[in-house]
Structure formats: structure tokens, C-alpha cells
N, C-alpha and C. Protein backbone atom coordinates (compact mmCIF):
# COMPACT_ATOMS: atom_id res chain seq x y z
N MET A 1 -15.57 -19.66 22.90
CA MET A 1 -14.80 -18.56 23.43
C MET A 1 -14.64 -17.49 22.35
N ALA A 2 -14.70 -16.24 22.74
CA ALA A 2 -14.59 -15.14 21.79
C ALA A 2 -13.15 -14.95 21.33
N VAL A 3 -13.01 -14.57 20.09
CA VAL A 3 -11.69 -14.30 19.52
C VAL A 3 -11.35 -12.83 19.75
N ILE A 4 -10.12 -12.60 20.17
CA ILE A 4 -9.63 -11.23 20.40
C ILE A 4 -8.63 -10.90 19.30
N SER A 5 -8.85 -9.77 18.64
CA SER A 5 -7.92 -9.35 17.59
C SER A 5 -7.12 -8.14 18.06
N SER A 6 -5.84 -8.17 17.78
CA SER A 6 -4.95 -7.07 18.11
C SER A 6 -4.20 -6.66 16.86
N GLN A 7 -4.34 -5.39 16.49
CA GLN A 7 -3.65 -4.93 15.29
C GLN A 7 -2.16 -4.87 15.56
N THR A 8 -1.39 -5.49 14.66
CA THR A 8 0.05 -5.52 14.84
C THR A 8 0.76 -4.45 14.02
N ASP A 9 0.29 -4.21 12.81
CA ASP A 9 0.90 -3.18 11.98
C ASP A 9 0.02 -2.88 10.78
N SER A 10 0.40 -1.83 10.05
CA SER A 10 -0.26 -1.46 8.80
C SER A 10 0.81 -1.27 7.74
N VAL A 11 0.44 -1.56 6.52
CA VAL A 11 1.36 -1.44 5.40
C VAL A 11 0.67 -0.68 4.27
N MET A 12 1.39 0.30 3.70
CA MET A 12 0.91 1.01 2.52
C MET A 12 1.55 0.33 1.31
N VAL A 13 0.73 -0.06 0.36
CA VAL A 13 1.24 -0.72 -0.85
C VAL A 13 1.00 0.20 -2.04
N LEU A 14 2.09 0.59 -2.69
CA LEU A 14 2.01 1.46 -3.87
C LEU A 14 2.26 0.61 -5.10
N GLU A 15 1.38 0.71 -6.08
CA GLU A 15 1.56 -0.01 -7.34
C GLU A 15 1.78 1.01 -8.44
N VAL A 16 2.89 0.84 -9.17
CA VAL A 16 3.23 1.76 -10.26
C VAL A 16 3.41 0.98 -11.55
N GLN A 17 3.24 1.69 -12.66
CA GLN A 17 3.47 1.08 -13.97
C GLN A 17 4.89 1.44 -14.40
N THR A 18 5.72 0.42 -14.58
CA THR A 18 7.12 0.65 -14.91
C THR A 18 7.41 0.51 -16.40
N GLY A 19 6.42 0.14 -17.18
CA GLY A 19 6.63 0.00 -18.61
C GLY A 19 5.52 -0.79 -19.26
N LEU A 20 5.78 -1.23 -20.50
CA LEU A 20 4.83 -2.02 -21.27
C LEU A 20 5.52 -3.26 -21.81
N THR A 21 4.76 -4.35 -21.92
CA THR A 21 5.29 -5.55 -22.54
C THR A 21 5.30 -5.36 -24.05
N ALA A 22 5.84 -6.34 -24.76
CA ALA A 22 5.87 -6.28 -26.21
C ALA A 22 4.46 -6.24 -26.82
N THR A 23 3.49 -6.78 -26.09
CA THR A 23 2.11 -6.80 -26.58
C THR A 23 1.31 -5.59 -26.11
N GLY A 24 1.95 -4.70 -25.35
CA GLY A 24 1.27 -3.48 -24.92
C GLY A 24 0.62 -3.57 -23.56
N SER A 25 0.76 -4.69 -22.87
CA SER A 25 0.21 -4.82 -21.52
C SER A 25 1.11 -4.09 -20.52
N PRO A 26 0.51 -3.51 -19.48
CA PRO A 26 1.33 -2.78 -18.51
C PRO A 26 2.19 -3.71 -17.66
N ILE A 27 3.40 -3.27 -17.35
CA ILE A 27 4.27 -3.95 -16.39
C ILE A 27 4.11 -3.20 -15.08
N LEU A 28 3.64 -3.90 -14.06
CA LEU A 28 3.36 -3.28 -12.77
C LEU A 28 4.38 -3.72 -11.73
N SER A 29 4.71 -2.81 -10.84
CA SER A 29 5.61 -3.09 -9.74
C SER A 29 4.98 -2.53 -8.48
N SER A 30 5.17 -3.21 -7.36
CA SER A 30 4.60 -2.70 -6.11
C SER A 30 5.68 -2.56 -5.05
N ARG A 31 5.47 -1.62 -4.17
CA ARG A 31 6.36 -1.36 -3.04
C ARG A 31 5.51 -1.33 -1.78
N SER A 32 5.97 -2.00 -0.75
CA SER A 32 5.29 -2.03 0.54
C SER A 32 6.09 -1.21 1.55
N ILE A 33 5.39 -0.34 2.26
CA ILE A 33 6.04 0.54 3.23
C ILE A 33 5.24 0.47 4.53
N ASN A 34 5.92 0.18 5.63
CA ASN A 34 5.25 0.14 6.94
C ASN A 34 4.81 1.54 7.32
N VAL A 35 3.60 1.63 7.86
CA VAL A 35 3.06 2.90 8.36
C VAL A 35 2.49 2.68 9.75
N LYS A 36 2.30 3.75 10.48
CA LYS A 36 1.72 3.64 11.81
C LYS A 36 0.28 3.17 11.69
N ALA A 37 -0.11 2.29 12.60
CA ALA A 37 -1.47 1.77 12.60
C ALA A 37 -2.48 2.89 12.84
N ALA A 38 -2.07 3.94 13.53
CA ALA A 38 -2.96 5.05 13.84
C ALA A 38 -3.15 6.01 12.67
N ALA A 39 -2.37 5.87 11.62
CA ALA A 39 -2.50 6.76 10.46
C ALA A 39 -3.87 6.60 9.82
N THR A 40 -4.46 7.71 9.41
CA THR A 40 -5.76 7.65 8.74
C THR A 40 -5.56 7.27 7.28
N ASP A 41 -6.64 6.81 6.66
CA ASP A 41 -6.59 6.48 5.24
C ASP A 41 -6.20 7.70 4.41
N GLN A 42 -6.71 8.88 4.80
CA GLN A 42 -6.39 10.10 4.08
C GLN A 42 -4.90 10.43 4.19
N ASP A 43 -4.33 10.24 5.39
CA ASP A 43 -2.89 10.47 5.58
C ASP A 43 -2.08 9.57 4.65
N ILE A 44 -2.45 8.31 4.59
CA ILE A 44 -1.72 7.35 3.75
C ILE A 44 -1.83 7.74 2.28
N PHE A 45 -3.02 8.12 1.85
CA PHE A 45 -3.22 8.52 0.46
C PHE A 45 -2.41 9.78 0.15
N ASP A 46 -2.40 10.74 1.07
CA ASP A 46 -1.64 11.98 0.85
C ASP A 46 -0.14 11.69 0.72
N VAL A 47 0.38 10.81 1.56
CA VAL A 47 1.80 10.44 1.49
C VAL A 47 2.08 9.74 0.16
N ALA A 48 1.19 8.84 -0.25
CA ALA A 48 1.39 8.11 -1.51
C ALA A 48 1.42 9.06 -2.70
N THR A 49 0.53 10.03 -2.73
CA THR A 49 0.52 10.96 -3.86
C THR A 49 1.74 11.88 -3.83
N ALA A 50 2.21 12.24 -2.63
CA ALA A 50 3.42 13.05 -2.52
C ALA A 50 4.63 12.26 -3.00
N MET A 51 4.70 10.98 -2.65
CA MET A 51 5.80 10.13 -3.10
C MET A 51 5.76 9.93 -4.61
N GLN A 52 4.57 9.86 -5.17
CA GLN A 52 4.42 9.67 -6.61
C GLN A 52 5.01 10.85 -7.37
N ALA A 53 4.91 12.03 -6.80
CA ALA A 53 5.46 13.22 -7.45
C ALA A 53 6.98 13.14 -7.60
N LEU A 54 7.62 12.29 -6.79
CA LEU A 54 9.07 12.13 -6.86
C LEU A 54 9.48 10.98 -7.77
N SER A 55 8.50 10.28 -8.33
CA SER A 55 8.77 9.09 -9.13
C SER A 55 8.64 9.39 -10.62
N ASP A 56 9.35 8.60 -11.41
CA ASP A 56 9.23 8.71 -12.86
C ASP A 56 8.06 7.88 -13.40
N TYR A 57 7.48 7.04 -12.53
CA TYR A 57 6.44 6.10 -12.97
C TYR A 57 5.06 6.55 -12.48
N PRO A 58 4.02 6.31 -13.28
CA PRO A 58 2.66 6.67 -12.86
C PRO A 58 2.15 5.75 -11.75
N LEU A 59 1.48 6.36 -10.78
CA LEU A 59 0.89 5.61 -9.67
C LEU A 59 -0.42 4.99 -10.14
N ILE A 60 -0.53 3.68 -10.02
CA ILE A 60 -1.72 2.96 -10.46
C ILE A 60 -2.70 2.76 -9.32
N SER A 61 -2.20 2.37 -8.14
CA SER A 61 -3.10 2.17 -7.01
C SER A 61 -2.37 2.34 -5.69
N VAL A 62 -3.17 2.66 -4.66
CA VAL A 62 -2.69 2.76 -3.29
C VAL A 62 -3.56 1.84 -2.47
N LYS A 63 -2.93 0.95 -1.71
CA LYS A 63 -3.68 0.02 -0.87
C LYS A 63 -3.15 0.10 0.55
N ARG A 64 -4.02 -0.23 1.48
CA ARG A 64 -3.63 -0.32 2.89
C ARG A 64 -3.93 -1.72 3.36
N GLU A 65 -2.93 -2.35 3.96
CA GLU A 65 -3.10 -3.68 4.52
C GLU A 65 -2.93 -3.57 6.04
N ASN A 66 -3.96 -3.96 6.77
CA ASN A 66 -3.90 -3.98 8.23
C ASN A 66 -3.71 -5.42 8.66
N HIS A 67 -2.71 -5.65 9.52
CA HIS A 67 -2.41 -6.99 9.98
C HIS A 67 -2.81 -7.12 11.45
N PHE A 68 -3.45 -8.23 11.77
CA PHE A 68 -3.94 -8.49 13.11
C PHE A 68 -3.47 -9.85 13.60
N ASP A 69 -3.22 -9.95 14.91
CA ASP A 69 -3.04 -11.24 15.56
C ASP A 69 -4.38 -11.63 16.15
N LEU A 70 -4.74 -12.89 15.98
CA LEU A 70 -6.00 -13.40 16.54
C LEU A 70 -5.69 -14.41 17.61
N ALA A 71 -6.40 -14.30 18.75
CA ALA A 71 -6.20 -15.24 19.86
C ALA A 71 -7.51 -15.44 20.58
N GLU A 72 -7.57 -16.52 21.31
CA GLU A 72 -8.77 -16.77 22.14
C GLU A 72 -8.57 -16.22 23.51
């Protein structure tokens, strides 16, 4: 039987550098924010860069996680 996937939600994950360890390695922190599943990748990236402008920490990466339910 074929598997049917239904997208349940999307999450934008922002990773920022909040400091350095004693040995000089970066300390990273991430924040997850729910976004509309219909949002384009460009929209998500634009929002992430706009949010970074309001932060004291440098933006290291922007990720999108799409979550799906799978059923037969």
C-alpha cells in the first residue's frame, strides 16, 4: 500500500553565536519559530535576516524543518 504524507507544520531554526569558550570555540544557541507551511524558503530567509538585525549576536545559520505525518 502506498504511503500518504501530509505536511503538518514548518519550523525556522535560527542559530546564533552567543560567545566563545575559554579555548576560543564558538558557543552556539538556536531558536525554533513556527512558520506557515506555505512560506517560501526566500520568505523564511528574509525574515531570519531581518530578525538578526535586531539581535546582538551574529547569525550563523538558518534552517527550515518541514514536518510530515505519514499514513497508509
